[in-house]
């Protein structure tokens, strides 16, 4: 058991989220008192059930809940009151129906970090994104010194929301004296906790396993494990060196066809029919005219993104697991969930 932190309270925003579940789990395993926000208190049992599989039912039963919405002022000061740390992991999803991603991200960040500042927390950690540190040059690795310019185009609303929200966060920290750290994850994969908080990112593996696509687009991602990003948040929360810093959290760059190959090689029974041939770029561009998700990634065709996450490794001792293991663990969890669904 790690050193006891039973006297320290951590507020985690967006308790039903993919990342939040693993952050809450890691905090409970370290004996922190955890409070988390949900839009409705009806979601409390869902969060407890999801976390209990890893942290234990007794620990999950200690989670406190506060009702608060990123688009409303009510509840945030109550949620932050008495907290030692705030981890702002809540974020609008890029494919939410009719969501105004930029407004939600920016207003939510201001509300959460404003409440954190008023509560006098020791430190707040913001979940930003690797897209906020894009070098723009395929031959130059992204580092924390890079600041991406927002595009201002509707199809880039999700990256723009993360870029603008992080800028707002640093402005607010400077104005209020809030001690802030930002974590910039790249493309998160890894098992979900429970079945209700599956993010859009793991769809890339689910679609392969379900054989919903005949071939894979010529795109790739810097894959990182959600469990390792949760660990990075906790390291960033407590390390003296992390105050006022940004940390990229990234693993290995993999093409979509690489992910398919790993699945077929490592899960020969379950993934024997996963497609491994590449879809011609022209076909992707034609399909993108009617598919918003393909349209969002059309400009990524054939593009390799390099990311340098050595700062987190050297300053915080962060040690992410092998990317191949993340892919297998994600697929194994999806397969198990699918079997449970068929058996129900």
C-alpha atoms as a PDB file:
ATOM      1  CA  UNK A   1       0.000   0.000   0.000  1.00  0.00           C
ATOM      2  CA  UNK A   2       1.238   3.479  -0.885  1.00  0.00           C
ATOM      3  CA  UNK A   3       1.671   6.173   1.749  1.00  0.00           C
ATOM      4  CA  UNK A   4      -1.658   7.113   3.300  1.00  0.00           C
ATOM      5  CA  UNK A   5      -3.347  10.217   1.925  1.00  0.00           C
ATOM      6  CA  UNK A   6      -6.589   9.661   3.827  1.00  0.00           C
ATOM      7  CA  UNK A   7      -6.628  13.251   5.063  1.00  0.00           C
ATOM      8  CA  UNK A   8      -6.379  14.722   1.544  1.00  0.00           C
ATOM      9  CA  UNK A   9      -9.410  15.292  -0.681  1.00  0.00           C
ATOM     10  CA  UNK A  10      -9.206  15.336  -4.465  1.00  0.00           C
ATOM     11  CA  UNK A  11     -12.009  16.644  -6.661  1.00  0.00           C
ATOM     12  CA  UNK A  12     -12.173  14.868 -10.034  1.00  0.00           C
ATOM     13  CA  UNK A  13     -14.524  16.423 -12.576  1.00  0.00           C
ATOM     14  CA  UNK A  14     -16.637  14.325 -14.928  1.00  0.00           C
ATOM     15  CA  UNK A  15     -16.797  11.150 -12.855  1.00  0.00           C
ATOM     16  CA  UNK A  16     -18.548   9.081 -15.528  1.00  0.00           C
ATOM     17  CA  UNK A  17     -15.749   9.670 -18.030  1.00  0.00           C
ATOM     18  CA  UNK A  18     -13.276   7.191 -19.479  1.00  0.00           C
ATOM     19  CA  UNK A  19     -10.194   8.855 -18.010  1.00  0.00           C
ATOM     20  CA  UNK A  20     -11.900   9.969 -14.799  1.00  0.00           C
ATOM     21  CA  UNK A  21     -12.734   6.390 -13.851  1.00  0.00           C
ATOM     22  CA  UNK A  22      -9.077   5.366 -13.948  1.00  0.00           C
ATOM     23  CA  UNK A  23      -7.991   8.567 -12.163  1.00  0.00           C
ATOM     24  CA  UNK A  24     -10.506   7.897  -9.380  1.00  0.00           C
ATOM     25  CA  UNK A  25      -9.294   4.290  -9.177  1.00  0.00           C
ATOM     26  CA  UNK A  26      -5.665   5.374  -8.825  1.00  0.00           C
ATOM     27  CA  UNK A  27      -6.522   7.898  -6.139  1.00  0.00           C
ATOM     28  CA  UNK A  28      -8.556   5.396  -4.121  1.00  0.00           C
ATOM     29  CA  UNK A  29      -5.747   2.870  -4.348  1.00  0.00           C
ATOM     30  CA  UNK A  30      -3.479   5.525  -2.800  1.00  0.00           C
ATOM     31  CA  UNK A  31      -6.018   6.147  -0.021  1.00  0.00           C
ATOM     32  CA  UNK A  32      -7.062   9.652  -1.060  1.00  0.00           C
ATOM     33  CA  UNK A  33     -10.556  10.848  -0.302  1.00  0.00           C
ATOM     34  CA  UNK A  34     -12.245  11.307  -3.672  1.00  0.00           C
ATOM     35  CA  UNK A  35     -15.070  13.618  -4.610  1.00  0.00           C
ATOM     36  CA  UNK A  36     -16.314  13.675  -8.186  1.00  0.00           C
ATOM     37  CA  UNK A  37     -18.798  15.696 -10.180  1.00  0.00           C
ATOM     38  CA  UNK A  38     -21.629  14.246 -12.218  1.00  0.00           C
ATOM     39  CA  UNK A  39     -24.333  16.098 -14.095  1.00  0.00           C
ATOM     40  CA  UNK A  40     -26.936  14.100 -12.202  1.00  0.00           C
ATOM     41  CA  UNK A  41     -26.598  12.311  -8.878  1.00  0.00           C
ATOM     42  CA  UNK A  42     -28.467   9.428 -10.514  1.00  0.00           C
ATOM     43  CA  UNK A  43     -25.076   8.536 -12.043  1.00  0.00           C
ATOM     44  CA  UNK A  44     -23.435   7.919  -8.660  1.00  0.00           C
ATOM     45  CA  UNK A  45     -24.031   4.174  -8.592  1.00  0.00           C
ATOM     46  CA  UNK A  46     -22.776   3.828 -12.163  1.00  0.00           C
ATOM     47  CA  UNK A  47     -19.467   5.388 -11.126  1.00  0.00           C
ATOM     48  CA  UNK A  48     -19.182   3.242  -7.999  1.00  0.00           C
ATOM     49  CA  UNK A  49     -19.896   0.064  -9.952  1.00  0.00           C
ATOM     50  CA  UNK A  50     -17.327   0.935 -12.610  1.00  0.00           C
ATOM     51  CA  UNK A  51     -14.560   1.769 -10.141  1.00  0.00           C
ATOM     52  CA  UNK A  52     -15.218  -1.113  -7.748  1.00  0.00           C
ATOM     53  CA  UNK A  53     -13.837  -3.722 -10.157  1.00  0.00           C
ATOM     54  CA  UNK A  54     -10.345  -2.232  -9.760  1.00  0.00           C
ATOM     55  CA  UNK A  55     -10.419  -0.343  -6.469  1.00  0.00           C
ATOM     56  CA  UNK A  56     -12.753  -2.631  -4.523  1.00  0.00           C
ATOM     57  CA  UNK A  57     -16.361  -2.116  -3.528  1.00  0.00           C
ATOM     58  CA  UNK A  58     -15.498  -0.777  -0.089  1.00  0.00           C
ATOM     59  CA  UNK A  59     -13.233   1.944  -1.501  1.00  0.00           C
ATOM     60  CA  UNK A  60     -15.751   2.776  -4.240  1.00  0.00           C
ATOM     61  CA  UNK A  61     -18.374   3.235  -1.547  1.00  0.00           C
ATOM     62  CA  UNK A  62     -16.384   6.125  -0.061  1.00  0.00           C
ATOM     63  CA  UNK A  63     -16.615   8.304  -3.187  1.00  0.00           C
ATOM     64  CA  UNK A  64     -18.435  11.582  -2.590  1.00  0.00           C
ATOM     65  CA  UNK A  65     -20.581  13.057  -5.370  1.00  0.00           C
ATOM     66  CA  UNK A  66     -21.431  16.614  -6.326  1.00  0.00           C
ATOM     67  CA  UNK A  67     -23.907  17.627  -9.009  1.00  0.00           C
ATOM     68  CA  UNK A  68     -22.413  20.171 -11.420  1.00  0.00           C
ATOM     69  CA  UNK A  69     -22.554  20.860 -15.149  1.00  0.00           C
ATOM     70  CA  UNK A  70     -19.807  22.480 -17.231  1.00  0.00           C
ATOM     71  CA  UNK A  71     -22.381  24.859 -18.713  1.00  0.00           C
ATOM     72  CA  UNK A  72     -23.848  26.018 -15.390  1.00  0.00           C
ATOM     73  CA  UNK A  73     -22.490  27.911 -12.388  1.00  0.00           C
ATOM     74  CA  UNK A  74     -24.444  25.956  -9.783  1.00  0.00           C
ATOM     75  CA  UNK A  75     -22.562  23.482  -7.654  1.00  0.00           C
ATOM     76  CA  UNK A  76     -18.945  24.224  -8.504  1.00  0.00           C
ATOM     77  CA  UNK A  77     -18.033  26.152  -5.365  1.00  0.00           C
ATOM     78  CA  UNK A  78     -19.668  23.462  -3.223  1.00  0.00           C
ATOM     79  CA  UNK A  79     -17.829  20.757  -5.142  1.00  0.00           C
ATOM     80  CA  UNK A  80     -14.426  22.404  -4.658  1.00  0.00           C
ATOM     81  CA  UNK A  81     -14.930  23.423  -1.021  1.00  0.00           C
ATOM     82  CA  UNK A  82     -12.384  21.730   1.226  1.00  0.00           C
ATOM     83  CA  UNK A  83     -10.548  20.028  -1.643  1.00  0.00           C
ATOM     84  CA  UNK A  84      -6.775  19.850  -1.526  1.00  0.00           C
ATOM     85  CA  UNK A  85      -6.460  19.206  -5.270  1.00  0.00           C
ATOM     86  CA  UNK A  86      -8.682  19.487  -8.341  1.00  0.00           C
ATOM     87  CA  UNK A  87      -8.209  17.279 -11.401  1.00  0.00           C
ATOM     88  CA  UNK A  88     -10.266  18.683 -14.263  1.00  0.00           C
ATOM     89  CA  UNK A  89     -10.749  15.688 -16.558  1.00  0.00           C
ATOM     90  CA  UNK A  90     -14.303  16.466 -17.753  1.00  0.00           C
ATOM     91  CA  UNK A  91     -14.501  17.337 -21.430  1.00  0.00           C
ATOM     92  CA  UNK A  92     -17.196  17.479 -24.116  1.00  0.00           C
ATOM     93  CA  UNK A  93     -16.998  14.551 -26.512  1.00  0.00           C
ATOM     94  CA  UNK A  94     -16.120  15.362 -30.141  1.00  0.00           C
ATOM     95  CA  UNK A  95     -19.097  13.449 -31.525  1.00  0.00           C
ATOM     96  CA  UNK A  96     -21.764  14.538 -29.057  1.00  0.00           C
ATOM     97  CA  UNK A  97     -25.113  15.378 -30.671  1.00  0.00           C
ATOM     98  CA  UNK A  98     -25.334  19.106 -31.341  1.00  0.00           C
ATOM     99  CA  UNK A  99     -22.616  19.896 -28.805  1.00  0.00           C
ATOM    100  CA  UNK A 100     -20.955  23.298 -28.850  1.00  0.00           C
ATOM    101  CA  UNK A 101     -17.541  21.923 -28.031  1.00  0.00           C
ATOM    102  CA  UNK A 102     -15.683  25.208 -27.782  1.00  0.00           C
ATOM    103  CA  UNK A 103     -18.227  26.918 -25.520  1.00  0.00           C
ATOM    104  CA  UNK A 104     -18.518  23.885 -23.245  1.00  0.00           C
ATOM    105  CA  UNK A 105     -14.758  23.392 -22.944  1.00  0.00           C
ATOM    106  CA  UNK A 106     -13.938  27.044 -22.327  1.00  0.00           C
ATOM    107  CA  UNK A 107     -16.791  27.859 -19.957  1.00  0.00           C
ATOM    108  CA  UNK A 108     -16.324  24.578 -18.102  1.00  0.00           C
ATOM    109  CA  UNK A 109     -12.618  25.217 -17.615  1.00  0.00           C
ATOM    110  CA  UNK A 110     -13.262  28.708 -16.289  1.00  0.00           C
ATOM    111  CA  UNK A 111     -15.926  27.455 -13.877  1.00  0.00           C
ATOM    112  CA  UNK A 112     -13.883  24.543 -12.544  1.00  0.00           C
ATOM    113  CA  UNK A 113     -10.599  26.383 -12.155  1.00  0.00           C
ATOM    114  CA  UNK A 114     -12.331  29.500 -10.850  1.00  0.00           C
ATOM    115  CA  UNK A 115     -13.927  27.399  -8.120  1.00  0.00           C
ATOM    116  CA  UNK A 116     -10.550  25.753  -7.433  1.00  0.00           C
ATOM    117  CA  UNK A 117      -8.908  29.144  -7.013  1.00  0.00           C
ATOM    118  CA  UNK A 118     -11.640  30.390  -4.686  1.00  0.00           C
ATOM    119  CA  UNK A 119     -11.367  27.199  -2.635  1.00  0.00           C
ATOM    120  CA  UNK A 120      -7.612  27.711  -2.220  1.00  0.00           C
ATOM    121  CA  UNK A 121      -6.605  24.263  -3.464  1.00  0.00           C
ATOM    122  CA  UNK A 122      -2.933  23.349  -3.461  1.00  0.00           C
ATOM    123  CA  UNK A 123      -2.870  22.586  -7.170  1.00  0.00           C
ATOM    124  CA  UNK A 124      -5.195  22.007 -10.100  1.00  0.00           C
ATOM    125  CA  UNK A 125      -4.364  19.651 -12.952  1.00  0.00           C
ATOM    126  CA  UNK A 126      -6.021  20.266 -16.323  1.00  0.00           C
ATOM    127  CA  UNK A 127      -6.563  17.500 -18.849  1.00  0.00           C
ATOM    128  CA  UNK A 128      -5.633  19.249 -22.067  1.00  0.00           C
ATOM    129  CA  UNK A 129      -4.618  17.396 -25.237  1.00  0.00           C
ATOM    130  CA  UNK A 130      -1.628  16.642 -27.389  1.00  0.00           C
ATOM    131  CA  UNK A 131      -3.297  18.655 -30.154  1.00  0.00           C
ATOM    132  CA  UNK A 132      -2.444  21.832 -28.205  1.00  0.00           C
ATOM    133  CA  UNK A 133       1.283  21.232 -28.763  1.00  0.00           C
ATOM    134  CA  UNK A 134       1.369  20.323 -32.465  1.00  0.00           C
ATOM    135  CA  UNK A 135       4.596  21.435 -34.116  1.00  0.00           C
ATOM    136  CA  UNK A 136       2.943  21.566 -37.535  1.00  0.00           C
ATOM    137  CA  UNK A 137       6.026  19.901 -39.037  1.00  0.00           C
ATOM    138  CA  UNK A 138       5.902  16.118 -39.562  1.00  0.00           C
ATOM    139  CA  UNK A 139       9.677  15.946 -39.044  1.00  0.00           C
ATOM    140  CA  UNK A 140       9.714  17.931 -35.779  1.00  0.00           C
ATOM    141  CA  UNK A 141       8.461  16.204 -32.620  1.00  0.00           C
ATOM    142  CA  UNK A 142       5.887  18.066 -30.578  1.00  0.00           C
ATOM    143  CA  UNK A 143       7.137  19.278 -27.207  1.00  0.00           C
ATOM    144  CA  UNK A 144       5.591  21.199 -24.341  1.00  0.00           C
ATOM    145  CA  UNK A 145       7.148  24.433 -25.608  1.00  0.00           C
ATOM    146  CA  UNK A 146       4.911  24.322 -28.698  1.00  0.00           C
ATOM    147  CA  UNK A 147       1.531  26.076 -28.692  1.00  0.00           C
ATOM    148  CA  UNK A 148      -0.849  25.234 -31.515  1.00  0.00           C
ATOM    149  CA  UNK A 149      -2.826  28.014 -33.165  1.00  0.00           C
ATOM    150  CA  UNK A 150      -6.591  27.382 -33.360  1.00  0.00           C
ATOM    151  CA  UNK A 151      -7.852  26.828 -36.892  1.00  0.00           C
ATOM    152  CA  UNK A 152     -11.241  28.504 -36.504  1.00  0.00           C
ATOM    153  CA  UNK A 153     -12.873  25.944 -38.809  1.00  0.00           C
ATOM    154  CA  UNK A 154     -15.967  23.904 -37.835  1.00  0.00           C
ATOM    155  CA  UNK A 155     -14.326  20.562 -38.641  1.00  0.00           C
ATOM    156  CA  UNK A 156     -11.515  21.382 -36.205  1.00  0.00           C
ATOM    157  CA  UNK A 157     -13.845  22.393 -33.390  1.00  0.00           C
ATOM    158  CA  UNK A 158     -12.613  19.660 -31.050  1.00  0.00           C
ATOM    159  CA  UNK A 159      -8.887  20.523 -31.311  1.00  0.00           C
ATOM    160  CA  UNK A 160      -9.762  24.212 -31.129  1.00  0.00           C
ATOM    161  CA  UNK A 161     -11.798  23.615 -27.965  1.00  0.00           C
ATOM    162  CA  UNK A 162      -8.784  22.046 -26.256  1.00  0.00           C
ATOM    163  CA  UNK A 163      -6.404  24.749 -27.493  1.00  0.00           C
ATOM    164  CA  UNK A 164      -8.598  27.625 -26.344  1.00  0.00           C
ATOM    165  CA  UNK A 165      -9.558  25.994 -23.036  1.00  0.00           C
ATOM    166  CA  UNK A 166      -5.926  25.432 -22.086  1.00  0.00           C
ATOM    167  CA  UNK A 167      -5.064  29.037 -22.918  1.00  0.00           C
ATOM    168  CA  UNK A 168      -7.967  30.172 -20.745  1.00  0.00           C
ATOM    169  CA  UNK A 169      -6.702  27.958 -17.930  1.00  0.00           C
ATOM    170  CA  UNK A 170      -3.243  29.493 -17.914  1.00  0.00           C
ATOM    171  CA  UNK A 171      -4.713  33.014 -18.084  1.00  0.00           C
ATOM    172  CA  UNK A 172      -6.970  32.269 -15.117  1.00  0.00           C
ATOM    173  CA  UNK A 173      -4.096  30.755 -13.147  1.00  0.00           C
ATOM    174  CA  UNK A 174      -1.981  33.850 -13.767  1.00  0.00           C
ATOM    175  CA  UNK A 175      -4.826  36.135 -12.709  1.00  0.00           C
ATOM    176  CA  UNK A 176      -5.759  34.247  -9.528  1.00  0.00           C
ATOM    177  CA  UNK A 177      -2.476  32.741  -8.362  1.00  0.00           C
ATOM    178  CA  UNK A 178      -3.839  29.204  -8.811  1.00  0.00           C
ATOM    179  CA  UNK A 179      -1.054  26.620  -9.040  1.00  0.00           C
ATOM    180  CA  UNK A 180      -1.734  24.801 -12.301  1.00  0.00           C
ATOM    181  CA  UNK A 181      -0.306  21.861 -14.227  1.00  0.00           C
ATOM    182  CA  UNK A 182      -1.541  20.620 -17.619  1.00  0.00           C
ATOM    183  CA  UNK A 183      -1.436  17.044 -18.909  1.00  0.00           C
ATOM    184  CA  UNK A 184      -1.524  16.678 -22.697  1.00  0.00           C
ATOM    185  CA  UNK A 185      -2.506  13.120 -23.658  1.00  0.00           C
ATOM    186  CA  UNK A 186      -2.396  11.919 -27.226  1.00  0.00           C
ATOM    187  CA  UNK A 187      -4.692   9.167 -28.560  1.00  0.00           C
ATOM    188  CA  UNK A 188      -5.954   7.272 -25.525  1.00  0.00           C
ATOM    189  CA  UNK A 189      -6.716   3.575 -25.724  1.00  0.00           C
ATOM    190  CA  UNK A 190      -7.062   0.966 -23.001  1.00  0.00           C
ATOM    191  CA  UNK A 191      -9.841  -0.880 -21.174  1.00  0.00           C
ATOM    192  CA  UNK A 192     -12.916   0.975 -20.020  1.00  0.00           C
ATOM    193  CA  UNK A 193     -14.265   0.721 -16.492  1.00  0.00           C
ATOM    194  CA  UNK A 194     -17.820  -0.501 -16.864  1.00  0.00           C
ATOM    195  CA  UNK A 195     -19.735  -0.304 -20.125  1.00  0.00           C
ATOM    196  CA  UNK A 196     -21.326   3.133 -19.994  1.00  0.00           C
ATOM    197  CA  UNK A 197     -18.220   5.292 -20.373  1.00  0.00           C
ATOM    198  CA  UNK A 198     -16.687   3.907 -23.569  1.00  0.00           C
ATOM    199  CA  UNK A 199     -15.054   6.774 -25.466  1.00  0.00           C
ATOM    200  CA  UNK A 200     -15.045   7.382 -29.180  1.00  0.00           C
ATOM    201  CA  UNK A 201     -11.324   6.657 -29.407  1.00  0.00           C
ATOM    202  CA  UNK A 202     -11.689   2.913 -28.775  1.00  0.00           C
ATOM    203  CA  UNK A 203     -14.065   2.731 -31.736  1.00  0.00           C
ATOM    204  CA  UNK A 204     -10.997   2.345 -33.956  1.00  0.00           C
ATOM    205  CA  UNK A 205     -10.407  -1.080 -32.417  1.00  0.00           C
ATOM    206  CA  UNK A 206     -14.053  -2.029 -31.965  1.00  0.00           C
ATOM    207  CA  UNK A 207     -14.726  -1.442 -35.681  1.00  0.00           C
ATOM    208  CA  UNK A 208     -11.821  -3.683 -36.631  1.00  0.00           C
ATOM    209  CA  UNK A 209     -13.011  -6.498 -34.367  1.00  0.00           C
ATOM    210  CA  UNK A 210     -16.591  -6.127 -35.587  1.00  0.00           C
ATOM    211  CA  UNK A 211     -15.396  -6.070 -39.219  1.00  0.00           C
ATOM    212  CA  UNK A 212     -17.418  -2.926 -39.854  1.00  0.00           C
ATOM    213  CA  UNK A 213     -14.858  -1.594 -42.333  1.00  0.00           C
ATOM    214  CA  UNK A 214     -13.482  -3.497 -45.359  1.00  0.00           C
ATOM    215  CA  UNK A 215     -10.094  -1.770 -45.228  1.00  0.00           C
ATOM    216  CA  UNK A 216      -8.283   0.707 -42.992  1.00  0.00           C
ATOM    217  CA  UNK A 217      -7.650   4.360 -43.866  1.00  0.00           C
ATOM    218  CA  UNK A 218      -4.037   5.460 -44.181  1.00  0.00           C
ATOM    219  CA  UNK A 219      -4.068   7.294 -40.860  1.00  0.00           C
ATOM    220  CA  UNK A 220      -2.294   6.799 -37.557  1.00  0.00           C
ATOM    221  CA  UNK A 221      -2.098   7.982 -33.975  1.00  0.00           C
ATOM    222  CA  UNK A 222       0.286   8.363 -31.073  1.00  0.00           C
ATOM    223  CA  UNK A 223      -1.353   5.712 -28.925  1.00  0.00           C
ATOM    224  CA  UNK A 224      -1.145   6.000 -25.142  1.00  0.00           C
ATOM    225  CA  UNK A 225      -2.799   3.958 -22.414  1.00  0.00           C
ATOM    226  CA  UNK A 226      -5.597   5.648 -20.469  1.00  0.00           C
ATOM    227  CA  UNK A 227      -4.281   3.970 -17.301  1.00  0.00           C
ATOM    228  CA  UNK A 228      -0.882   5.574 -17.855  1.00  0.00           C
ATOM    229  CA  UNK A 229      -2.473   8.982 -18.433  1.00  0.00           C
ATOM    230  CA  UNK A 230      -4.374   8.558 -15.161  1.00  0.00           C
ATOM    231  CA  UNK A 231      -1.046   7.834 -13.473  1.00  0.00           C
ATOM    232  CA  UNK A 232       0.468  10.918 -15.107  1.00  0.00           C
ATOM    233  CA  UNK A 233      -2.309  13.081 -13.643  1.00  0.00           C
ATOM    234  CA  UNK A 234      -1.557  11.835 -10.139  1.00  0.00           C
ATOM    235  CA  UNK A 235       2.187  12.364 -10.590  1.00  0.00           C
ATOM    236  CA  UNK A 236       1.499  15.879 -11.910  1.00  0.00           C
ATOM    237  CA  UNK A 237      -0.762  16.569  -8.934  1.00  0.00           C
ATOM    238  CA  UNK A 238       1.829  15.858  -6.275  1.00  0.00           C
ATOM    239  CA  UNK A 239       5.305  16.417  -7.740  1.00  0.00           C
ATOM    240  CA  UNK A 240       6.903  19.716  -6.662  1.00  0.00           C
ATOM    241  CA  UNK A 241       8.565  19.899 -10.087  1.00  0.00           C
ATOM    242  CA  UNK A 242       5.210  19.924 -11.880  1.00  0.00           C
ATOM    243  CA  UNK A 243       3.967  23.308 -10.685  1.00  0.00           C
ATOM    244  CA  UNK A 244       3.255  25.555 -13.661  1.00  0.00           C
ATOM    245  CA  UNK A 245       4.305  22.901 -16.188  1.00  0.00           C
ATOM    246  CA  UNK A 246       2.794  21.119 -19.191  1.00  0.00           C
ATOM    247  CA  UNK A 247       3.392  17.389 -19.755  1.00  0.00           C
ATOM    248  CA  UNK A 248       2.829  15.493 -22.975  1.00  0.00           C
ATOM    249  CA  UNK A 249       1.676  11.931 -22.400  1.00  0.00           C
ATOM    250  CA  UNK A 250       2.313   9.834 -25.486  1.00  0.00           C
ATOM    251  CA  UNK A 251       3.287   6.364 -26.532  1.00  0.00           C
ATOM    252  CA  UNK A 252       4.264   5.004 -29.934  1.00  0.00           C
ATOM    253  CA  UNK A 253       2.927   6.211 -33.284  1.00  0.00           C
ATOM    254  CA  UNK A 254       0.968   3.433 -34.977  1.00  0.00           C
ATOM    255  CA  UNK A 255      -0.713   3.379 -38.363  1.00  0.00           C
ATOM    256  CA  UNK A 256      -4.223   1.957 -38.374  1.00  0.00           C
ATOM    257  CA  UNK A 257      -2.880  -1.017 -40.328  1.00  0.00           C
ATOM    258  CA  UNK A 258      -0.301  -1.589 -37.547  1.00  0.00           C
ATOM    259  CA  UNK A 259      -3.101  -1.836 -35.005  1.00  0.00           C
ATOM    260  CA  UNK A 260      -4.904  -4.327 -37.235  1.00  0.00           C
ATOM    261  CA  UNK A 261      -1.738  -6.382 -37.628  1.00  0.00           C
ATOM    262  CA  UNK A 262      -1.142  -6.488 -33.855  1.00  0.00           C
ATOM    263  CA  UNK A 263      -4.690  -7.726 -33.307  1.00  0.00           C
ATOM    264  CA  UNK A 264      -4.381 -10.483 -35.891  1.00  0.00           C
ATOM    265  CA  UNK A 265      -1.001 -11.625 -34.593  1.00  0.00           C
ATOM    266  CA  UNK A 266      -1.757 -11.533 -30.885  1.00  0.00           C
ATOM    267  CA  UNK A 267      -5.444 -12.528 -30.919  1.00  0.00           C
ATOM    268  CA  UNK A 268      -5.567 -15.023 -33.799  1.00  0.00           C
ATOM    269  CA  UNK A 269      -8.872 -16.568 -32.779  1.00  0.00           C
ATOM    270  CA  UNK A 270     -10.847 -13.394 -32.096  1.00  0.00           C
ATOM    271  CA  UNK A 271      -9.219 -11.166 -34.733  1.00  0.00           C
ATOM    272  CA  UNK A 272      -8.597 -13.568 -37.603  1.00  0.00           C
ATOM    273  CA  UNK A 273     -10.803 -11.564 -39.981  1.00  0.00           C
ATOM    274  CA  UNK A 274      -9.681  -8.091 -38.993  1.00  0.00           C
ATOM    275  CA  UNK A 275      -8.940  -6.157 -42.224  1.00  0.00           C
ATOM    276  CA  UNK A 276      -5.294  -5.278 -42.765  1.00  0.00           C
ATOM    277  CA  UNK A 277      -5.306  -3.810 -46.282  1.00  0.00           C
ATOM    278  CA  UNK A 278      -5.220  -0.057 -46.666  1.00  0.00           C
ATOM    279  CA  UNK A 279      -8.136   1.878 -48.128  1.00  0.00           C
ATOM    280  CA  UNK A 280      -7.049   4.159 -50.993  1.00  0.00           C
ATOM    281  CA  UNK A 281      -6.923   7.816 -49.986  1.00  0.00           C
ATOM    282  CA  UNK A 282      -9.281   8.754 -52.822  1.00  0.00           C
ATOM    283  CA  UNK A 283     -11.933   6.405 -51.444  1.00  0.00           C
ATOM    284  CA  UNK A 284     -11.564   7.913 -47.954  1.00  0.00           C
ATOM    285  CA  UNK A 285     -11.976  11.413 -49.379  1.00  0.00           C
ATOM    286  CA  UNK A 286     -15.112  10.400 -51.256  1.00  0.00           C
ATOM    287  CA  UNK A 287     -16.628   8.698 -48.197  1.00  0.00           C
ATOM    288  CA  UNK A 288     -15.749  11.691 -46.040  1.00  0.00           C
ATOM    289  CA  UNK A 289     -18.287  13.797 -47.929  1.00  0.00           C
ATOM    290  CA  UNK A 290     -21.034  11.910 -46.103  1.00  0.00           C
ATOM    291  CA  UNK A 291     -19.223  10.764 -42.981  1.00  0.00           C
ATOM    292  CA  UNK A 292     -18.397  13.525 -40.453  1.00  0.00           C
ATOM    293  CA  UNK A 293     -15.914  11.335 -38.556  1.00  0.00           C
ATOM    294  CA  UNK A 294     -13.947  10.557 -41.722  1.00  0.00           C
ATOM    295  CA  UNK A 295     -14.106  14.213 -42.707  1.00  0.00           C
ATOM    296  CA  UNK A 296     -12.484  15.141 -39.381  1.00  0.00           C
ATOM    297  CA  UNK A 297      -9.476  12.898 -40.100  1.00  0.00           C
ATOM    298  CA  UNK A 298      -9.240  13.389 -43.865  1.00  0.00           C
ATOM    299  CA  UNK A 299      -6.389  15.876 -43.473  1.00  0.00           C
ATOM    300  CA  UNK A 300      -4.454  13.247 -41.458  1.00  0.00           C
ATOM    301  CA  UNK A 301      -4.111  10.857 -44.402  1.00  0.00           C
ATOM    302  CA  UNK A 302      -0.493   9.731 -44.669  1.00  0.00           C
ATOM    303  CA  UNK A 303       0.641  12.061 -41.892  1.00  0.00           C
ATOM    304  CA  UNK A 304       3.014  10.909 -39.153  1.00  0.00           C
ATOM    305  CA  UNK A 305       2.901  12.929 -35.931  1.00  0.00           C
ATOM    306  CA  UNK A 306       5.988  12.809 -33.739  1.00  0.00           C
ATOM    307  CA  UNK A 307       5.645  13.500 -30.021  1.00  0.00           C
ATOM    308  CA  UNK A 308       8.389  13.847 -27.409  1.00  0.00           C
ATOM    309  CA  UNK A 309       7.083  12.857 -23.971  1.00  0.00           C
ATOM    310  CA  UNK A 310      10.531  12.618 -22.353  1.00  0.00           C
ATOM    311  CA  UNK A 311       9.766  15.522 -19.999  1.00  0.00           C
ATOM    312  CA  UNK A 312       7.163  13.470 -18.111  1.00  0.00           C
ATOM    313  CA  UNK A 313       9.512  10.512 -17.958  1.00  0.00           C
ATOM    314  CA  UNK A 314      12.540  12.416 -16.680  1.00  0.00           C
ATOM    315  CA  UNK A 315      10.872  14.971 -14.381  1.00  0.00           C
ATOM    316  CA  UNK A 316       8.065  12.828 -12.968  1.00  0.00           C
ATOM    317  CA  UNK A 317       9.342   9.279 -13.415  1.00  0.00           C
ATOM    318  CA  UNK A 318       6.400   8.412 -15.667  1.00  0.00           C
ATOM    319  CA  UNK A 319       6.723   4.935 -17.176  1.00  0.00           C
ATOM    320  CA  UNK A 320       4.036   4.125 -19.762  1.00  0.00           C
ATOM    321  CA  UNK A 321       3.472   0.499 -20.690  1.00  0.00           C
ATOM    322  CA  UNK A 322       4.269  -0.903 -24.168  1.00  0.00           C
ATOM    323  CA  UNK A 323       1.793   0.345 -26.771  1.00  0.00           C
ATOM    324  CA  UNK A 324       1.241  -3.157 -28.143  1.00  0.00           C
ATOM    325  CA  UNK A 325       0.007  -4.252 -24.707  1.00  0.00           C
ATOM    326  CA  UNK A 326      -2.434  -1.352 -24.663  1.00  0.00           C
ATOM    327  CA  UNK A 327      -3.891  -2.450 -28.004  1.00  0.00           C
ATOM    328  CA  UNK A 328      -4.328  -6.036 -26.808  1.00  0.00           C
ATOM    329  CA  UNK A 329      -5.838  -5.001 -23.479  1.00  0.00           C
ATOM    330  CA  UNK A 330      -8.311  -2.710 -25.249  1.00  0.00           C
ATOM    331  CA  UNK A 331      -9.368  -5.429 -27.649  1.00  0.00           C
ATOM    332  CA  UNK A 332      -9.642  -8.053 -24.903  1.00  0.00           C
ATOM    333  CA  UNK A 333     -11.895  -5.773 -22.864  1.00  0.00           C
ATOM    334  CA  UNK A 334     -14.094  -5.016 -25.893  1.00  0.00           C
ATOM    335  CA  UNK A 335     -14.400  -8.718 -26.701  1.00  0.00           C
ATOM    336  CA  UNK A 336     -15.380  -9.521 -23.110  1.00  0.00           C
ATOM    337  CA  UNK A 337     -17.992  -6.754 -23.091  1.00  0.00           C
ATOM    338  CA  UNK A 338     -19.424  -8.000 -26.391  1.00  0.00           C
ATOM    339  CA  UNK A 339     -19.716 -11.528 -25.022  1.00  0.00           C
ATOM    340  CA  UNK A 340     -21.420 -10.280 -21.876  1.00  0.00           C
ATOM    341  CA  UNK A 341     -23.875  -8.341 -24.004  1.00  0.00           C
ATOM    342  CA  UNK A 342     -24.756 -11.389 -26.067  1.00  0.00           C
ATOM    343  CA  UNK A 343     -25.150 -13.506 -22.942  1.00  0.00           C
ATOM    344  CA  UNK A 344     -27.441 -11.024 -21.220  1.00  0.00           C
END
